[in-house]
PDB file of all heavy atoms in Angstrom:
ATOM      1  N   ASP A   1     126.603 107.008  92.116  1.00  0.00           N
ATOM      2  CA  ASP A   1     126.922 108.244  91.400  1.00  0.00           C
ATOM      3  C   ASP A   1     125.930 108.567  90.279  1.00  0.00           C
ATOM      4  O   ASP A   1     126.065 109.610  89.621  1.00  0.00           O
ATOM      5  CB  ASP A   1     128.330 108.145  90.812  1.00  0.00           C
ATOM      6  CG  ASP A   1     129.396 108.072  91.886  1.00  0.00           C
ATOM      7  OD1 ASP A   1     129.153 108.637  92.973  1.00  0.00           O
ATOM      8  OD2 ASP A   1     130.445 107.451  91.658  1.00  0.00           O
ATOM      9  N   TYR A   2     124.965 107.694  90.057  1.00  0.00           N
ATOM     10  CA  TYR A   2     123.999 107.927  88.987  1.00  0.00           C
ATOM     11  C   TYR A   2     122.955 108.958  89.427  1.00  0.00           C
ATOM     12  O   TYR A   2     122.885 109.332  90.609  1.00  0.00           O
ATOM     13  CB  TYR A   2     123.340 106.610  88.574  1.00  0.00           C
ATOM     14  CG  TYR A   2     124.226 105.787  87.647  1.00  0.00           C
ATOM     15  CD1 TYR A   2     125.476 105.351  88.058  1.00  0.00           C
ATOM     16  CD2 TYR A   2     123.815 105.468  86.362  1.00  0.00           C
ATOM     17  CE1 TYR A   2     126.306 104.617  87.221  1.00  0.00           C
ATOM     18  CE2 TYR A   2     124.629 104.732  85.508  1.00  0.00           C
ATOM     19  CZ  TYR A   2     125.872 104.316  85.944  1.00  0.00           C
ATOM     20  OH  TYR A   2     126.679 103.602  85.100  1.00  0.00           O
ATOM     21  N   ARG A   3     122.139 109.417  88.483  1.00  0.00           N
ATOM     22  CA  ARG A   3     121.209 110.513  88.761  1.00  0.00           C
ATOM     23  C   ARG A   3     119.773 110.126  88.446  1.00  0.00           C
ATOM     24  O   ARG A   3     119.516 109.245  87.626  1.00  0.00           O
ATOM     25  CB  ARG A   3     121.567 111.747  87.920  1.00  0.00           C
ATOM     26  CG  ARG A   3     122.916 112.351  88.199  1.00  0.00           C
ATOM     27  CD  ARG A   3     123.096 113.599  87.357  1.00  0.00           C
ATOM     28  NE  ARG A   3     124.362 114.280  87.610  1.00  0.00           N
ATOM     29  CZ  ARG A   3     124.685 115.444  87.079  1.00  0.00           C
ATOM     30  NH1 ARG A   3     123.840 116.062  86.269  1.00  0.00           N
ATOM     31  NH2 ARG A   3     125.847 116.002  87.359  1.00  0.00           N
ATOM     32  N   ALA A   4     118.849 110.863  89.080  1.00  0.00           N
ATOM     33  CA  ALA A   4     117.419 110.775  88.744  1.00  0.00           C
ATOM     34  C   ALA A   4     116.867 112.185  88.893  1.00  0.00           C
ATOM     35  O   ALA A   4     116.228 112.528  89.890  1.00  0.00           O
ATOM     36  CB  ALA A   4     116.690 109.797  89.653  1.00  0.00           C
ATOM     37  N   SER A   5     117.147 113.025  87.896  1.00  0.00           N
ATOM     38  CA  SER A   5     116.879 114.462  88.017  1.00  0.00           C
ATOM     39  C   SER A   5     115.496 114.891  87.545  1.00  0.00           C
ATOM     40  O   SER A   5     115.038 115.982  87.876  1.00  0.00           O
ATOM     41  CB  SER A   5     117.940 115.251  87.239  1.00  0.00           C
ATOM     42  OG  SER A   5     117.974 114.834  85.883  1.00  0.00           O
ATOM     43  N   LEU A   6     114.814 114.055  86.750  1.00  0.00           N
ATOM     44  CA  LEU A   6     113.513 114.456  86.205  1.00  0.00           C
ATOM     45  C   LEU A   6     112.394 114.251  87.225  1.00  0.00           C
ATOM     46  O   LEU A   6     112.395 113.277  87.976  1.00  0.00           O
ATOM     47  CB  LEU A   6     113.203 113.653  84.943  1.00  0.00           C
ATOM     48  CG  LEU A   6     114.038 114.003  83.710  1.00  0.00           C
ATOM     49  CD1 LEU A   6     113.762 113.029  82.586  1.00  0.00           C
ATOM     50  CD2 LEU A   6     113.765 115.425  83.261  1.00  0.00           C
ATOM     51  N   ALA A   7     111.444 115.178  87.218  1.00  0.00           N
ATOM     52  CA  ALA A   7     110.297 115.079  88.128  1.00  0.00           C
ATOM     53  C   ALA A   7     109.483 113.831  87.795  1.00  0.00           C
ATOM     54  O   ALA A   7     109.212 113.552  86.622  1.00  0.00           O
ATOM     55  CB  ALA A   7     109.416 116.319  88.004  1.00  0.00           C
ATOM     56  N   PRO A   8     109.090 113.046  88.810  1.00  0.00           N
ATOM     57  CA  PRO A   8     108.312 111.822  88.559  1.00  0.00           C
ATOM     58  C   PRO A   8     106.995 112.118  87.843  1.00  0.00           C
ATOM     59  O   PRO A   8     106.366 113.148  88.070  1.00  0.00           O
ATOM     60  CB  PRO A   8     108.070 111.258  89.958  1.00  0.00           C
ATOM     61  CG  PRO A   8     109.164 111.835  90.794  1.00  0.00           C
ATOM     62  CD  PRO A   8     109.420 113.204  90.236  1.00  0.00           C
ATOM     63  N   GLN A   9     106.590 111.194  86.977  1.00  0.00           N
ATOM     64  CA  GLN A   9     105.331 111.291  86.246  1.00  0.00           C
ATOM     65  C   GLN A   9     104.409 110.148  86.674  1.00  0.00           C
ATOM     66  O   GLN A   9     104.833 109.180  87.288  1.00  0.00           O
ATOM     67  CB  GLN A   9     105.597 111.189  84.741  1.00  0.00           C
ATOM     68  CG  GLN A   9     106.561 112.229  84.208  1.00  0.00           C
ATOM     69  CD  GLN A   9     105.918 113.590  84.067  1.00  0.00           C
ATOM     70  OE1 GLN A   9     105.076 113.819  83.216  1.00  0.00           O
ATOM     71  NE2 GLN A   9     106.322 114.516  84.921  1.00  0.00           N
ATOM     72  N   LEU A  10     103.126 110.255  86.304  1.00  0.00           N
ATOM     73  CA  LEU A  10     102.133 109.204  86.597  1.00  0.00           C
ATOM     74  C   LEU A  10     102.125 108.864  88.092  1.00  0.00           C
ATOM     75  O   LEU A  10     102.267 107.711  88.498  1.00  0.00           O
ATOM     76  CB  LEU A  10     102.403 107.948  85.775  1.00  0.00           C
ATOM     77  CG  LEU A  10     102.499 108.125  84.248  1.00  0.00           C
ATOM     78  CD1 LEU A  10     102.763 106.783  83.582  1.00  0.00           C
ATOM     79  CD2 LEU A  10     101.248 108.757  83.696  1.00  0.00           C
ATOM     80  N   ILE A  11     101.955 109.890  88.911  1.00  0.00           N
ATOM     81  CA  ILE A  11     102.029 109.715  90.362  1.00  0.00           C
ATOM     82  C   ILE A  11     100.906 108.800  90.867  1.00  0.00           C
ATOM     83  O   ILE A  11      99.731 108.996  90.543  1.00  0.00           O
ATOM     84  CB  ILE A  11     101.950 111.070  91.085  1.00  0.00           C
ATOM     85  CG1 ILE A  11     103.119 111.968  90.641  1.00  0.00           C
ATOM     86  CG2 ILE A  11     101.955 110.889  92.596  1.00  0.00           C
ATOM     87  CD1 ILE A  11     104.475 111.424  90.956  1.00  0.00           C
ATOM     88  N   THR A  12     101.272 107.792  91.679  1.00  0.00           N
ATOM     89  CA  THR A  12     100.313 106.876  92.299  1.00  0.00           C
ATOM     90  C   THR A  12     100.496 106.919  93.812  1.00  0.00           C
ATOM     91  O   THR A  12     101.581 106.605  94.316  1.00  0.00           O
ATOM     92  CB  THR A  12     100.530 105.436  91.809  1.00  0.00           C
ATOM     93  OG1 THR A  12     100.376 105.391  90.390  1.00  0.00           O
ATOM     94  CG2 THR A  12      99.524 104.489  92.448  1.00  0.00           C
ATOM     95  N   PRO A  13      99.469 107.297  94.573  1.00  0.00           N
ATOM     96  CA  PRO A  13      99.599 107.320  96.036  1.00  0.00           C
ATOM     97  C   PRO A  13      99.716 105.898  96.600  1.00  0.00           C
ATOM     98  O   PRO A  13      99.159 104.949  96.053  1.00  0.00           O
ATOM     99  CB  PRO A  13      98.292 107.984  96.497  1.00  0.00           C
ATOM    100  CG  PRO A  13      97.733 108.656  95.285  1.00  0.00           C
ATOM    101  CD  PRO A  13      98.174 107.828  94.125  1.00  0.00           C
ATOM    102  N   TRP A  14     100.448 105.765  97.717  1.00  0.00           N
ATOM    103  CA  TRP A  14     100.562 104.493  98.423  1.00  0.00           C
ATOM    104  C   TRP A  14      99.643 104.531  99.649  1.00  0.00           C
ATOM    105  O   TRP A  14      99.588 105.526 100.365  1.00  0.00           O
ATOM    106  CB  TRP A  14     101.980 104.261  98.905  1.00  0.00           C
ATOM    107  CG  TRP A  14     102.988 104.038  97.823  1.00  0.00           C
ATOM    108  CD1 TRP A  14     102.787 104.039  96.476  1.00  0.00           C
ATOM    109  CD2 TRP A  14     104.391 103.810  98.010  1.00  0.00           C
ATOM    110  NE1 TRP A  14     103.963 103.811  95.805  1.00  0.00           N
ATOM    111  CE2 TRP A  14     104.962 103.660  96.718  1.00  0.00           C
ATOM    112  CE3 TRP A  14     105.217 103.701  99.121  1.00  0.00           C
ATOM    113  CZ2 TRP A  14     106.329 103.414  96.537  1.00  0.00           C
ATOM    114  CZ3 TRP A  14     106.573 103.457  98.941  1.00  0.00           C
ATOM    115  CH2 TRP A  14     107.116 103.307  97.664  1.00  0.00           C
ATOM    116  N   SER A  15      98.969 103.417  99.887  1.00  0.00           N
ATOM    117  CA  SER A  15      98.073 103.339 101.037  1.00  0.00           C
ATOM    118  C   SER A  15      98.331 102.069 101.847  1.00  0.00           C
ATOM    119  O   SER A  15      98.820 101.069 101.314  1.00  0.00           O
ATOM    120  CB  SER A  15      96.610 103.352 100.588  1.00  0.00           C
ATOM    121  OG  SER A  15      96.241 104.608 100.064  1.00  0.00           O
ATOM    122  N   ILE A  16      97.995 102.136 103.116  1.00  0.00           N
ATOM    123  CA  ILE A  16      97.998 100.946 103.972  1.00  0.00           C
ATOM    124  C   ILE A  16      96.739 100.150 103.651  1.00  0.00           C
ATOM    125  O   ILE A  16      95.649 100.722 103.499  1.00  0.00           O
ATOM    126  CB  ILE A  16      98.029 101.348 105.455  1.00  0.00           C
ATOM    127  CG1 ILE A  16      99.336 102.104 105.754  1.00  0.00           C
ATOM    128  CG2 ILE A  16      97.883 100.135 106.366  1.00  0.00           C
ATOM    129  CD1 ILE A  16      99.418 102.667 107.161  1.00  0.00           C
ATOM    130  N   ALA A  17      96.869  98.838 103.528  1.00  0.00           N
ATOM    131  CA  ALA A  17      95.739  97.988 103.154  1.00  0.00           C
ATOM    132  C   ALA A  17      95.260  97.171 104.339  1.00  0.00           C
ATOM    133  O   ALA A  17      96.055  96.634 105.109  1.00  0.00           O
ATOM    134  CB  ALA A  17      96.141  97.059 102.008  1.00  0.00           C
ATOM    135  N   VAL A  18      93.933  97.100 104.481  1.00  0.00           N
ATOM    136  CA  VAL A  18      93.286  96.183 105.414  1.00  0.00           C
ATOM    137  C   VAL A  18      92.277  95.361 104.612  1.00  0.00           C
ATOM    138  O   VAL A  18      92.063  95.619 103.428  1.00  0.00           O
ATOM    139  CB  VAL A  18      92.601  96.942 106.577  1.00  0.00           C
ATOM    140  CG1 VAL A  18      93.624  97.717 107.390  1.00  0.00           C
ATOM    141  CG2 VAL A  18      91.533  97.900 106.056  1.00  0.00           C
ATOM    142  N   THR A  19      91.652  94.399 105.244  1.00  0.00           N
ATOM    143  CA  THR A  19      90.735  93.529 104.506  1.00  0.00           C
ATOM    144  C   THR A  19      89.542  94.306 103.965  1.00  0.00           C
ATOM    145  O   THR A  19      89.160  95.345 104.508  1.00  0.00           O
ATOM    146  CB  THR A  19      90.216  92.399 105.406  1.00  0.00           C
ATOM    147  OG1 THR A  19      89.542  92.972 106.522  1.00  0.00           O
ATOM    148  CG2 THR A  19      91.352  91.517 105.880  1.00  0.00           C
ATOM    149  N   ALA A  20      88.961  93.783 102.892  1.00  0.00           N
ATOM    150  CA  ALA A  20      87.806  94.441 102.272  1.00  0.00           C
ATOM    151  C   ALA A  20      86.660  94.574 103.254  1.00  0.00           C
ATOM    152  O   ALA A  20      85.926  95.565 103.254  1.00  0.00           O
ATOM    153  CB  ALA A  20      87.366  93.658 101.040  1.00  0.00           C
ATOM    154  N   SER A  21      86.478  93.578 104.129  1.00  0.00           N
ATOM    155  CA  SER A  21      85.373  93.601 105.094  1.00  0.00           C
ATOM    156  C   SER A  21      85.572  94.649 106.178  1.00  0.00           C
ATOM    157  O   SER A  21      84.634  94.996 106.897  1.00  0.00           O
ATOM    158  CB  SER A  21      85.207  92.225 105.740  1.00  0.00           C
ATOM    159  OG  SER A  21      86.409  91.848 106.386  1.00  0.00           O
ATOM    160  N   GLU A  22      86.777  95.172 106.313  1.00  0.00           N
ATOM    161  CA  GLU A  22      87.069  96.169 107.346  1.00  0.00           C
ATOM    162  C   GLU A  22      86.798  97.593 106.868  1.00  0.00           C
ATOM    163  O   GLU A  22      87.015  98.553 107.601  1.00  0.00           O
ATOM    164  CB  GLU A  22      88.533  96.033 107.772  1.00  0.00           C
ATOM    165  CG  GLU A  22      88.967  96.903 108.937  1.00  0.00           C
ATOM    166  CD  GLU A  22      88.187  96.652 110.214  1.00  0.00           C
ATOM    167  OE1 GLU A  22      87.692  95.517 110.390  1.00  0.00           O
ATOM    168  OE2 GLU A  22      88.037  97.590 111.017  1.00  0.00           O
ATOM    169  N   ASN A  23      86.300  97.751 105.628  1.00  0.00           N
ATOM    170  CA  ASN A  23      86.023  99.076 105.069  1.00  0.00           C
ATOM    171  C   ASN A  23      85.049  99.840 105.965  1.00  0.00           C
ATOM    172  O   ASN A  23      83.914  99.409 106.180  1.00  0.00           O
ATOM    173  CB  ASN A  23      85.432  98.941 103.668  1.00  0.00           C
ATOM    174  CG  ASN A  23      85.281 100.291 102.980  1.00  0.00           C
ATOM    175  OD1 ASN A  23      85.882 101.277 103.397  1.00  0.00           O
ATOM    176  ND2 ASN A  23      84.473 100.330 101.944  1.00  0.00           N
ATOM    177  N   GLY A  24      85.483 100.973 106.491  1.00  0.00           N
ATOM    178  CA  GLY A  24      84.660 101.775 107.384  1.00  0.00           C
ATOM    179  C   GLY A  24      84.651 101.291 108.814  1.00  0.00           C
ATOM    180  O   GLY A  24      84.009 101.894 109.674  1.00  0.00           O
ATOM    181  N   GLY A  25      85.369 100.215 109.097  1.00  0.00           N
ATOM    182  CA  GLY A  25      85.409  99.656 110.441  1.00  0.00           C
ATOM    183  C   GLY A  25      86.399 100.364 111.345  1.00  0.00           C
ATOM    184  O   GLY A  25      87.055 101.348 110.976  1.00  0.00           O
ATOM    185  N   GLY A  26      86.549  99.815 112.543  1.00  0.00           N
ATOM    186  CA  GLY A  26      87.402 100.452 113.538  1.00  0.00           C
ATOM    187  C   GLY A  26      88.854 100.522 113.136  1.00  0.00           C
ATOM    188  O   GLY A  26      89.527 101.543 113.352  1.00  0.00           O
ATOM    189  N   LEU A  27      89.369  99.430 112.546  1.00  0.00           N
ATOM    190  CA  LEU A  27      90.782  99.427 112.151  1.00  0.00           C
ATOM    191  C   LEU A  27      91.029 100.405 111.002  1.00  0.00           C
ATOM    192  O   LEU A  27      92.042 101.120 110.984  1.00  0.00           O
ATOM    193  CB  LEU A  27      91.203  98.010 111.755  1.00  0.00           C
ATOM    194  CG  LEU A  27      92.694  97.824 111.455  1.00  0.00           C
ATOM    195  CD1 LEU A  27      93.548  98.208 112.657  1.00  0.00           C
ATOM    196  CD2 LEU A  27      92.971  96.384 111.024  1.00  0.00           C
ATOM    197  N   ASP A  28      90.118 100.450 110.043  1.00  0.00           N
ATOM    198  CA  ASP A  28      90.207 101.387 108.928  1.00  0.00           C
ATOM    199  C   ASP A  28      90.284 102.821 109.456  1.00  0.00           C
ATOM    200  O   ASP A  28      91.154 103.614 109.057  1.00  0.00           O
ATOM    201  CB  ASP A  28      88.996 101.194 108.018  1.00  0.00           C
ATOM    202  CG  ASP A  28      88.981 102.152 106.830  1.00  0.00           C
ATOM    203  OD1 ASP A  28      89.996 102.833 106.580  1.00  0.00           O
ATOM    204  OD2 ASP A  28      87.945 102.218 106.141  1.00  0.00           O
ATOM    205  N   ARG A  29      89.393 103.152 110.382  1.00  0.00           N
ATOM    206  CA  ARG A  29      89.354 104.516 110.910  1.00  0.00           C
ATOM    207  C   ARG A  29      90.584 104.837 111.755  1.00  0.00           C
ATOM    208  O   ARG A  29      91.129 105.936 111.688  1.00  0.00           O
ATOM    209  CB  ARG A  29      88.079 104.732 111.716  1.00  0.00           C
ATOM    210  CG  ARG A  29      86.825 104.702 110.863  1.00  0.00           C
ATOM    211  CD  ARG A  29      85.600 105.154 111.631  1.00  0.00           C
ATOM    212  NE  ARG A  29      85.741 106.521 112.146  1.00  0.00           N
ATOM    213  CZ  ARG A  29      84.744 107.261 112.584  1.00  0.00           C
ATOM    214  NH1 ARG A  29      83.499 106.775 112.554  1.00  0.00           N
ATOM    215  NH2 ARG A  29      84.948 108.472 113.041  1.00  0.00           N
TER     216      ARG A  29
END
């Protein structure tokens, strides 16, 4: 029954993570 009526602040996008070495690789794409 509680509320959360205020618009969120400090928005942070969520991303799927793969290994650093996969940057630009097939799985990343």
